[in-house]
């Protein structure tokens, strides 16, 4: 990732537990900063193939999938119905060593929270994106990688 800017919120979101289906509904979603210039960057990372990054020209690196090695193999066959997106009751939830991401939509927005450990309750990165923009960016990436 060439950008040196890394997005962090001024405060972390702290949940009471990692029962996300119960905890996320308690959040005031209006507090999530709106990233208007959200985009998805897919970049070669040497022996680990392509990696996927959520970025913003204004804010820099927003979130990523650091353990998704060789993402290009999945992107070649992935459909828009399979992109990382859940609901507030069943968020998309991916985790690995020292990393976790939750992604869900509600009405016109997609909400993203990134934490620094599996099953975490503290999230230093949290923001929202217009749902239309999120879908359009994923559609663009999938078209770029479709054989």
N, C-alpha and C. Protein backbone atom coordinates (compact mmCIF):
# COMPACT_ATOMS: atom_id res chain seq x y z
N UNK A 1 0.85 -1.17 0.00
CA UNK A 1 0.00 0.00 0.00
C UNK A 1 0.89 1.22 0.00
N UNK A 2 0.76 2.06 -1.01
CA UNK A 2 1.67 3.19 -1.15
C UNK A 2 1.30 4.39 -0.28
N UNK A 3 0.05 4.54 0.09
CA UNK A 3 -0.37 5.69 0.89
C UNK A 3 0.16 5.57 2.32
N UNK A 4 0.69 6.67 2.84
CA UNK A 4 1.21 6.64 4.20
C UNK A 4 0.15 7.07 5.21
N UNK A 5 -0.91 7.71 4.75
CA UNK A 5 -1.97 8.12 5.66
C UNK A 5 -2.80 6.90 6.05
N UNK A 6 -3.05 6.78 7.35
CA UNK A 6 -3.90 5.70 7.84
C UNK A 6 -5.00 6.33 8.68
N UNK A 7 -6.23 6.00 8.35
CA UNK A 7 -7.38 6.59 9.02
C UNK A 7 -7.57 5.98 10.41
N UNK A 8 -7.79 6.82 11.40
CA UNK A 8 -8.18 6.40 12.75
C UNK A 8 -9.18 7.43 13.27
N UNK A 9 -10.18 6.94 13.95
CA UNK A 9 -11.14 7.84 14.58
C UNK A 9 -10.52 8.45 15.83
N UNK A 10 -11.08 9.56 16.28
CA UNK A 10 -10.57 10.21 17.48
C UNK A 10 -10.82 9.37 18.73
N UNK A 11 -11.87 8.56 18.69
CA UNK A 11 -12.16 7.66 19.81
C UNK A 11 -12.55 6.30 19.27
N UNK A 12 -12.33 5.29 20.09
CA UNK A 12 -12.72 3.94 19.70
C UNK A 12 -14.18 3.70 20.03
N UNK A 13 -14.77 2.78 19.30
CA UNK A 13 -16.08 2.26 19.70
C UNK A 13 -15.79 1.08 20.63
N UNK A 14 -16.40 1.10 21.80
CA UNK A 14 -16.23 0.02 22.77
C UNK A 14 -17.59 -0.64 22.99
N UNK A 15 -17.66 -1.90 22.65
CA UNK A 15 -18.88 -2.68 22.83
C UNK A 15 -18.82 -3.40 24.18
N UNK A 16 -19.97 -3.81 24.70
CA UNK A 16 -20.01 -4.54 25.97
C UNK A 16 -19.58 -5.99 25.81
N UNK A 17 -19.80 -6.54 24.62
CA UNK A 17 -19.43 -7.94 24.37
C UNK A 17 -19.20 -8.12 22.87
N UNK A 18 -18.76 -9.31 22.49
CA UNK A 18 -18.57 -9.59 21.06
C UNK A 18 -19.78 -10.32 20.48
N UNK A 19 -20.92 -10.18 21.12
CA UNK A 19 -22.18 -10.66 20.56
C UNK A 19 -22.69 -9.55 19.65
N UNK A 20 -22.15 -9.49 18.44
CA UNK A 20 -22.36 -8.35 17.56
C UNK A 20 -23.82 -8.15 17.17
N UNK A 21 -24.57 -9.21 17.02
CA UNK A 21 -25.97 -9.06 16.64
C UNK A 21 -26.76 -8.30 17.71
N UNK A 22 -26.33 -8.38 18.95
CA UNK A 22 -26.97 -7.61 20.03
C UNK A 22 -26.33 -6.24 20.23
N UNK A 23 -25.04 -6.14 20.02
CA UNK A 23 -24.31 -4.91 20.32
C UNK A 23 -24.46 -3.83 19.24
N UNK A 24 -24.46 -4.21 17.97
CA UNK A 24 -24.49 -3.21 16.90
C UNK A 24 -25.77 -2.38 16.91
N UNK A 25 -26.88 -2.99 17.28
CA UNK A 25 -28.15 -2.25 17.29
C UNK A 25 -28.16 -1.15 18.36
N UNK A 26 -27.25 -1.20 19.30
CA UNK A 26 -27.16 -0.19 20.36
C UNK A 26 -26.39 1.05 19.91
N UNK A 27 -25.66 0.95 18.81
CA UNK A 27 -24.83 2.07 18.35
C UNK A 27 -25.67 3.17 17.73
N UNK A 28 -25.23 4.41 17.90
CA UNK A 28 -25.84 5.54 17.21
C UNK A 28 -25.14 5.66 15.86
N UNK A 29 -25.75 5.11 14.83
CA UNK A 29 -25.13 5.04 13.51
C UNK A 29 -24.92 6.42 12.89
N UNK A 30 -25.62 7.43 13.38
CA UNK A 30 -25.42 8.79 12.87
C UNK A 30 -24.04 9.33 13.22
N UNK A 31 -23.40 8.75 14.23
CA UNK A 31 -22.06 9.18 14.63
C UNK A 31 -20.96 8.68 13.71
N UNK A 32 -21.26 7.68 12.90
CA UNK A 32 -20.24 7.13 12.00
C UNK A 32 -19.89 8.16 10.94
N UNK A 33 -18.62 8.55 10.84
CA UNK A 33 -18.23 9.52 9.81
C UNK A 33 -18.52 8.97 8.41
N UNK A 34 -19.05 9.84 7.55
CA UNK A 34 -19.37 9.47 6.18
C UNK A 34 -18.13 9.72 5.30
N UNK A 35 -17.68 8.69 4.61
CA UNK A 35 -16.55 8.81 3.70
C UNK A 35 -17.12 8.94 2.29
N UNK A 36 -17.12 10.15 1.77
CA UNK A 36 -17.73 10.42 0.46
C UNK A 36 -16.88 9.91 -0.70
N UNK A 37 -15.55 9.87 -0.52
CA UNK A 37 -14.66 9.51 -1.63
C UNK A 37 -14.12 8.08 -1.49
N UNK A 38 -14.90 7.21 -0.89
CA UNK A 38 -14.53 5.81 -0.69
C UNK A 38 -14.22 5.13 -2.02
N UNK A 39 -13.13 4.34 -2.01
CA UNK A 39 -12.85 3.49 -3.17
C UNK A 39 -12.15 2.22 -2.70
N UNK A 40 -12.08 1.26 -3.61
CA UNK A 40 -11.43 -0.01 -3.32
C UNK A 40 -10.19 -0.10 -4.20
N UNK A 41 -9.07 -0.40 -3.57
CA UNK A 41 -7.81 -0.55 -4.26
C UNK A 41 -7.38 -2.01 -4.14
N UNK A 42 -7.03 -2.61 -5.26
CA UNK A 42 -6.48 -3.97 -5.26
C UNK A 42 -5.05 -3.84 -5.77
N UNK A 43 -4.11 -4.29 -4.94
CA UNK A 43 -2.71 -4.03 -5.24
C UNK A 43 -1.86 -5.29 -5.04
N UNK A 44 -0.92 -5.48 -5.93
CA UNK A 44 0.02 -6.61 -5.86
C UNK A 44 0.89 -6.48 -4.62
N UNK A 45 1.05 -7.59 -3.88
CA UNK A 45 1.87 -7.59 -2.67
C UNK A 45 2.92 -8.70 -2.71
N UNK A 46 3.63 -8.80 -3.80
CA UNK A 46 4.71 -9.77 -3.91
C UNK A 46 4.22 -11.20 -3.91
N UNK A 47 4.87 -12.05 -3.13
CA UNK A 47 4.56 -13.49 -3.10
C UNK A 47 3.16 -13.78 -2.59
N UNK A 48 2.53 -12.81 -1.94
CA UNK A 48 1.20 -13.01 -1.38
C UNK A 48 0.09 -12.61 -2.35
N UNK A 49 0.45 -12.29 -3.58
CA UNK A 49 -0.53 -11.94 -4.59
C UNK A 49 -1.16 -10.58 -4.32
N UNK A 50 -2.36 -10.41 -4.82
CA UNK A 50 -3.08 -9.15 -4.66
C UNK A 50 -3.77 -9.10 -3.30
N UNK A 51 -3.81 -7.89 -2.75
CA UNK A 51 -4.55 -7.62 -1.51
C UNK A 51 -5.54 -6.50 -1.77
N UNK A 52 -6.57 -6.45 -0.95
CA UNK A 52 -7.67 -5.51 -1.15
C UNK A 52 -7.67 -4.48 -0.02
N UNK A 53 -7.85 -3.21 -0.39
CA UNK A 53 -7.82 -2.10 0.57
C UNK A 53 -9.03 -1.19 0.35
N UNK A 54 -9.62 -0.73 1.43
CA UNK A 54 -10.62 0.34 1.37
C UNK A 54 -9.85 1.64 1.61
N UNK A 55 -9.96 2.57 0.67
CA UNK A 55 -9.16 3.79 0.74
C UNK A 55 -10.01 5.02 0.46
N UNK A 56 -9.41 6.16 0.75
CA UNK A 56 -10.02 7.46 0.50
C UNK A 56 -8.90 8.43 0.15
N UNK A 57 -9.01 9.15 -0.98
CA UNK A 57 -7.98 10.15 -1.27
C UNK A 57 -7.82 11.17 -0.14
N UNK A 58 -8.90 11.49 0.54
CA UNK A 58 -8.83 12.49 1.61
C UNK A 58 -8.25 11.91 2.90
N UNK A 59 -8.65 10.69 3.27
CA UNK A 59 -8.28 10.13 4.57
C UNK A 59 -7.20 9.05 4.51
N UNK A 60 -6.87 8.56 3.33
CA UNK A 60 -5.85 7.52 3.21
C UNK A 60 -6.44 6.12 3.35
N UNK A 61 -5.64 5.23 3.91
CA UNK A 61 -6.08 3.85 4.11
C UNK A 61 -7.14 3.80 5.19
N UNK A 62 -8.31 3.28 4.84
CA UNK A 62 -9.42 3.20 5.79
C UNK A 62 -9.44 1.85 6.51
N UNK A 63 -9.40 0.79 5.74
CA UNK A 63 -9.45 -0.58 6.28
C UNK A 63 -8.92 -1.51 5.20
N UNK A 64 -8.61 -2.74 5.61
CA UNK A 64 -8.07 -3.69 4.63
C UNK A 64 -8.41 -5.11 5.06
N UNK A 65 -7.97 -6.02 4.24
CA UNK A 65 -8.13 -7.45 4.49
C UNK A 65 -6.72 -8.06 4.48
N UNK A 66 -5.95 -7.85 5.55
CA UNK A 66 -4.53 -8.20 5.54
C UNK A 66 -4.23 -9.68 5.39
N UNK A 67 -5.17 -10.52 5.70
CA UNK A 67 -4.94 -11.97 5.62
C UNK A 67 -5.57 -12.59 4.38
N UNK A 68 -6.13 -11.78 3.51
CA UNK A 68 -6.74 -12.29 2.28
C UNK A 68 -5.67 -12.30 1.19
N UNK A 69 -4.79 -13.28 1.27
CA UNK A 69 -3.73 -13.43 0.28
C UNK A 69 -4.31 -13.91 -1.04
N UNK A 70 -3.69 -13.50 -2.13
CA UNK A 70 -4.11 -13.90 -3.48
C UNK A 70 -5.60 -13.62 -3.71
N UNK A 71 -6.04 -12.44 -3.33
CA UNK A 71 -7.44 -12.05 -3.51
C UNK A 71 -7.88 -12.15 -4.96
N UNK A 72 -6.94 -12.00 -5.88
CA UNK A 72 -7.28 -12.06 -7.31
C UNK A 72 -7.93 -13.38 -7.69
N UNK A 73 -7.57 -14.46 -7.03
CA UNK A 73 -8.16 -15.77 -7.33
C UNK A 73 -9.64 -15.79 -7.00
N UNK A 74 -10.02 -15.17 -5.89
CA UNK A 74 -11.44 -15.09 -5.52
C UNK A 74 -12.19 -14.07 -6.37
N UNK A 75 -11.54 -12.95 -6.64
CA UNK A 75 -12.20 -11.88 -7.39
C UNK A 75 -12.55 -12.30 -8.81
N UNK A 76 -11.79 -13.22 -9.38
CA UNK A 76 -12.05 -13.68 -10.75
C UNK A 76 -13.40 -14.37 -10.88
N UNK A 77 -13.88 -14.98 -9.81
CA UNK A 77 -15.14 -15.74 -9.88
C UNK A 77 -16.22 -15.19 -8.95
N UNK A 78 -15.89 -14.22 -8.13
CA UNK A 78 -16.84 -13.67 -7.16
C UNK A 78 -17.97 -12.92 -7.86
N UNK A 79 -19.16 -13.03 -7.32
CA UNK A 79 -20.34 -12.30 -7.80
C UNK A 79 -20.67 -11.20 -6.80
N UNK A 80 -21.41 -10.21 -7.24
CA UNK A 80 -21.78 -9.08 -6.37
C UNK A 80 -22.54 -9.56 -5.13
N UNK A 81 -23.26 -10.66 -5.25
CA UNK A 81 -24.00 -11.22 -4.10
C UNK A 81 -23.08 -11.76 -3.02
N UNK A 82 -21.79 -11.93 -3.34
CA UNK A 82 -20.84 -12.52 -2.39
C UNK A 82 -19.87 -11.51 -1.79
N UNK A 83 -20.06 -10.23 -2.04
CA UNK A 83 -19.13 -9.24 -1.50
C UNK A 83 -19.27 -9.17 0.02
N UNK A 84 -18.26 -8.65 0.70
CA UNK A 84 -18.34 -8.53 2.16
C UNK A 84 -19.43 -7.52 2.56
N UNK A 85 -20.58 -8.05 2.94
CA UNK A 85 -21.71 -7.21 3.34
C UNK A 85 -22.72 -8.07 4.07
N UNK A 86 -23.09 -7.64 5.25
CA UNK A 86 -24.11 -8.33 6.03
C UNK A 86 -25.19 -7.36 6.45
N UNK A 87 -25.95 -7.76 7.43
CA UNK A 87 -26.99 -6.91 7.99
C UNK A 87 -26.59 -6.54 9.42
N UNK A 88 -27.30 -5.62 10.02
CA UNK A 88 -26.98 -5.23 11.39
C UNK A 88 -27.19 -6.41 12.34
N UNK A 89 -28.11 -7.30 12.01
CA UNK A 89 -28.35 -8.49 12.83
C UNK A 89 -27.35 -9.61 12.55
N UNK A 90 -26.82 -9.63 11.33
CA UNK A 90 -25.83 -10.64 10.93
C UNK A 90 -24.75 -9.98 10.08
N UNK A 91 -23.87 -9.23 10.72
CA UNK A 91 -22.84 -8.52 9.95
C UNK A 91 -21.85 -9.49 9.31
N UNK A 92 -21.29 -9.07 8.18
CA UNK A 92 -20.13 -9.79 7.64
C UNK A 92 -19.04 -9.65 8.70
N UNK A 93 -18.41 -10.74 9.04
CA UNK A 93 -17.45 -10.76 10.13
C UNK A 93 -16.27 -11.62 9.69
N UNK A 94 -15.10 -10.99 9.55
CA UNK A 94 -13.90 -11.73 9.19
C UNK A 94 -12.84 -11.39 10.22
N UNK A 95 -12.02 -12.39 10.58
CA UNK A 95 -11.00 -12.15 11.60
C UNK A 95 -9.82 -13.07 11.41
N UNK A 96 -8.72 -12.62 11.90
CA UNK A 96 -7.47 -13.39 11.92
C UNK A 96 -6.64 -12.85 13.07
N UNK A 97 -5.39 -13.25 13.11
CA UNK A 97 -4.50 -12.79 14.16
C UNK A 97 -4.43 -11.26 14.15
N UNK A 98 -4.68 -10.65 15.27
CA UNK A 98 -4.58 -9.20 15.48
C UNK A 98 -5.39 -8.35 14.49
N UNK A 99 -6.53 -8.88 14.02
CA UNK A 99 -7.34 -8.12 13.07
C UNK A 99 -8.77 -8.67 13.02
N UNK A 100 -9.73 -7.77 12.86
CA UNK A 100 -11.13 -8.15 12.64
C UNK A 100 -11.83 -7.02 11.91
N UNK A 101 -12.79 -7.39 11.06
CA UNK A 101 -13.60 -6.40 10.36
C UNK A 101 -15.06 -6.83 10.40
N UNK A 102 -15.94 -5.87 10.65
CA UNK A 102 -17.39 -6.07 10.60
C UNK A 102 -17.95 -5.13 9.54
N UNK A 103 -18.84 -5.65 8.70
CA UNK A 103 -19.43 -4.83 7.64
C UNK A 103 -20.91 -5.17 7.54
N UNK A 104 -21.75 -4.13 7.57
CA UNK A 104 -23.19 -4.34 7.45
C UNK A 104 -23.84 -3.13 6.80
N UNK A 105 -25.04 -3.35 6.29
CA UNK A 105 -25.77 -2.21 5.73
C UNK A 105 -27.04 -1.98 6.53
N UNK A 106 -27.46 -0.75 6.50
CA UNK A 106 -28.73 -0.35 7.08
C UNK A 106 -29.21 0.85 6.27
N UNK A 107 -30.35 0.68 5.69
CA UNK A 107 -30.94 1.68 4.80
C UNK A 107 -29.97 2.04 3.67
N UNK A 108 -29.54 3.27 3.59
CA UNK A 108 -28.73 3.74 2.46
C UNK A 108 -27.23 3.72 2.71
N UNK A 109 -26.79 3.11 3.81
CA UNK A 109 -25.38 3.16 4.17
C UNK A 109 -24.81 1.77 4.46
N UNK A 110 -23.50 1.65 4.26
CA UNK A 110 -22.74 0.49 4.68
C UNK A 110 -21.82 0.96 5.80
N UNK A 111 -21.81 0.22 6.88
CA UNK A 111 -21.03 0.56 8.07
C UNK A 111 -19.88 -0.42 8.19
N UNK A 112 -18.70 0.11 8.51
CA UNK A 112 -17.50 -0.71 8.59
C UNK A 112 -16.78 -0.39 9.90
N UNK A 113 -16.44 -1.45 10.63
CA UNK A 113 -15.67 -1.32 11.86
C UNK A 113 -14.49 -2.29 11.78
N UNK A 114 -13.29 -1.78 12.07
CA UNK A 114 -12.10 -2.63 12.05
C UNK A 114 -11.44 -2.60 13.42
N UNK A 115 -11.18 -3.79 13.95
CA UNK A 115 -10.55 -3.93 15.26
C UNK A 115 -9.18 -4.57 15.15
N UNK A 116 -8.48 -4.61 16.27
CA UNK A 116 -7.10 -5.07 16.27
C UNK A 116 -6.93 -6.45 16.89
N UNK A 117 -7.97 -7.25 16.88
CA UNK A 117 -7.87 -8.61 17.40
C UNK A 117 -9.13 -9.38 17.09
N UNK A 118 -9.05 -10.70 17.05
CA UNK A 118 -10.24 -11.50 16.79
C UNK A 118 -11.22 -11.42 17.96
N UNK A 119 -12.49 -11.39 17.62
CA UNK A 119 -13.58 -11.34 18.63
C UNK A 119 -13.44 -10.12 19.53
N UNK A 120 -12.96 -9.02 18.99
CA UNK A 120 -12.69 -7.84 19.79
C UNK A 120 -13.96 -7.08 20.14
N UNK A 121 -13.84 -6.23 21.13
CA UNK A 121 -14.95 -5.36 21.52
C UNK A 121 -14.57 -3.88 21.38
N UNK A 122 -13.32 -3.62 21.01
CA UNK A 122 -12.86 -2.24 20.79
C UNK A 122 -12.46 -2.08 19.33
N UNK A 123 -12.99 -1.03 18.71
CA UNK A 123 -12.77 -0.79 17.29
C UNK A 123 -12.24 0.63 17.08
N UNK A 124 -10.94 0.77 16.78
CA UNK A 124 -10.38 2.10 16.56
C UNK A 124 -10.77 2.71 15.21
N UNK A 125 -11.21 1.89 14.27
CA UNK A 125 -11.60 2.38 12.95
C UNK A 125 -13.08 2.07 12.72
N UNK A 126 -13.84 3.11 12.41
CA UNK A 126 -15.26 2.94 12.14
C UNK A 126 -15.74 4.11 11.28
N UNK A 127 -16.51 3.78 10.24
CA UNK A 127 -16.98 4.79 9.30
C UNK A 127 -18.15 4.20 8.52
N UNK A 128 -18.76 5.05 7.72
CA UNK A 128 -19.84 4.59 6.85
C UNK A 128 -19.63 5.13 5.45
N UNK A 129 -20.25 4.43 4.50
CA UNK A 129 -20.15 4.75 3.09
C UNK A 129 -21.57 4.65 2.52
N UNK A 130 -21.87 5.50 1.58
CA UNK A 130 -23.18 5.34 0.92
C UNK A 130 -23.23 3.96 0.28
N UNK A 131 -24.34 3.27 0.49
CA UNK A 131 -24.47 1.90 -0.01
C UNK A 131 -24.28 1.84 -1.52
N UNK A 132 -24.83 2.79 -2.23
CA UNK A 132 -24.69 2.80 -3.69
C UNK A 132 -23.22 2.87 -4.08
N UNK A 133 -22.46 3.71 -3.40
CA UNK A 133 -21.02 3.85 -3.71
C UNK A 133 -20.27 2.54 -3.40
N UNK A 134 -20.59 1.91 -2.28
CA UNK A 134 -19.95 0.66 -1.89
C UNK A 134 -20.20 -0.42 -2.95
N UNK A 135 -21.44 -0.56 -3.37
CA UNK A 135 -21.80 -1.56 -4.39
C UNK A 135 -21.12 -1.22 -5.72
N UNK A 136 -21.13 0.05 -6.11
CA UNK A 136 -20.49 0.45 -7.37
C UNK A 136 -19.00 0.15 -7.36
N UNK A 137 -18.33 0.39 -6.25
CA UNK A 137 -16.89 0.11 -6.16
C UNK A 137 -16.62 -1.39 -6.26
N UNK A 138 -17.43 -2.18 -5.58
CA UNK A 138 -17.25 -3.63 -5.67
C UNK A 138 -17.54 -4.11 -7.09
N UNK A 139 -18.55 -3.56 -7.71
CA UNK A 139 -18.88 -3.95 -9.08
C UNK A 139 -17.71 -3.64 -10.01
N UNK A 140 -17.10 -2.48 -9.84
CA UNK A 140 -15.95 -2.09 -10.66
C UNK A 140 -14.79 -3.07 -10.47
N UNK A 141 -14.49 -3.42 -9.23
CA UNK A 141 -13.39 -4.33 -8.95
C UNK A 141 -13.68 -5.70 -9.56
N UNK A 142 -14.89 -6.19 -9.39
CA UNK A 142 -15.22 -7.50 -9.94
C UNK A 142 -15.13 -7.52 -11.46
N UNK A 143 -15.58 -6.45 -12.10
CA UNK A 143 -15.46 -6.36 -13.56
C UNK A 143 -14.00 -6.36 -14.00
N UNK A 144 -13.15 -5.67 -13.23
CA UNK A 144 -11.72 -5.61 -13.55
C UNK A 144 -11.05 -6.99 -13.48
N UNK A 145 -11.56 -7.87 -12.63
CA UNK A 145 -10.92 -9.17 -12.42
C UNK A 145 -11.64 -10.33 -13.10
N UNK A 146 -12.79 -10.07 -13.69
CA UNK A 146 -13.53 -11.15 -14.35
C UNK A 146 -12.81 -11.53 -15.64
N UNK A 147 -12.65 -12.81 -15.81
CA UNK A 147 -11.96 -13.31 -17.02
C UNK A 147 -12.88 -13.30 -18.21
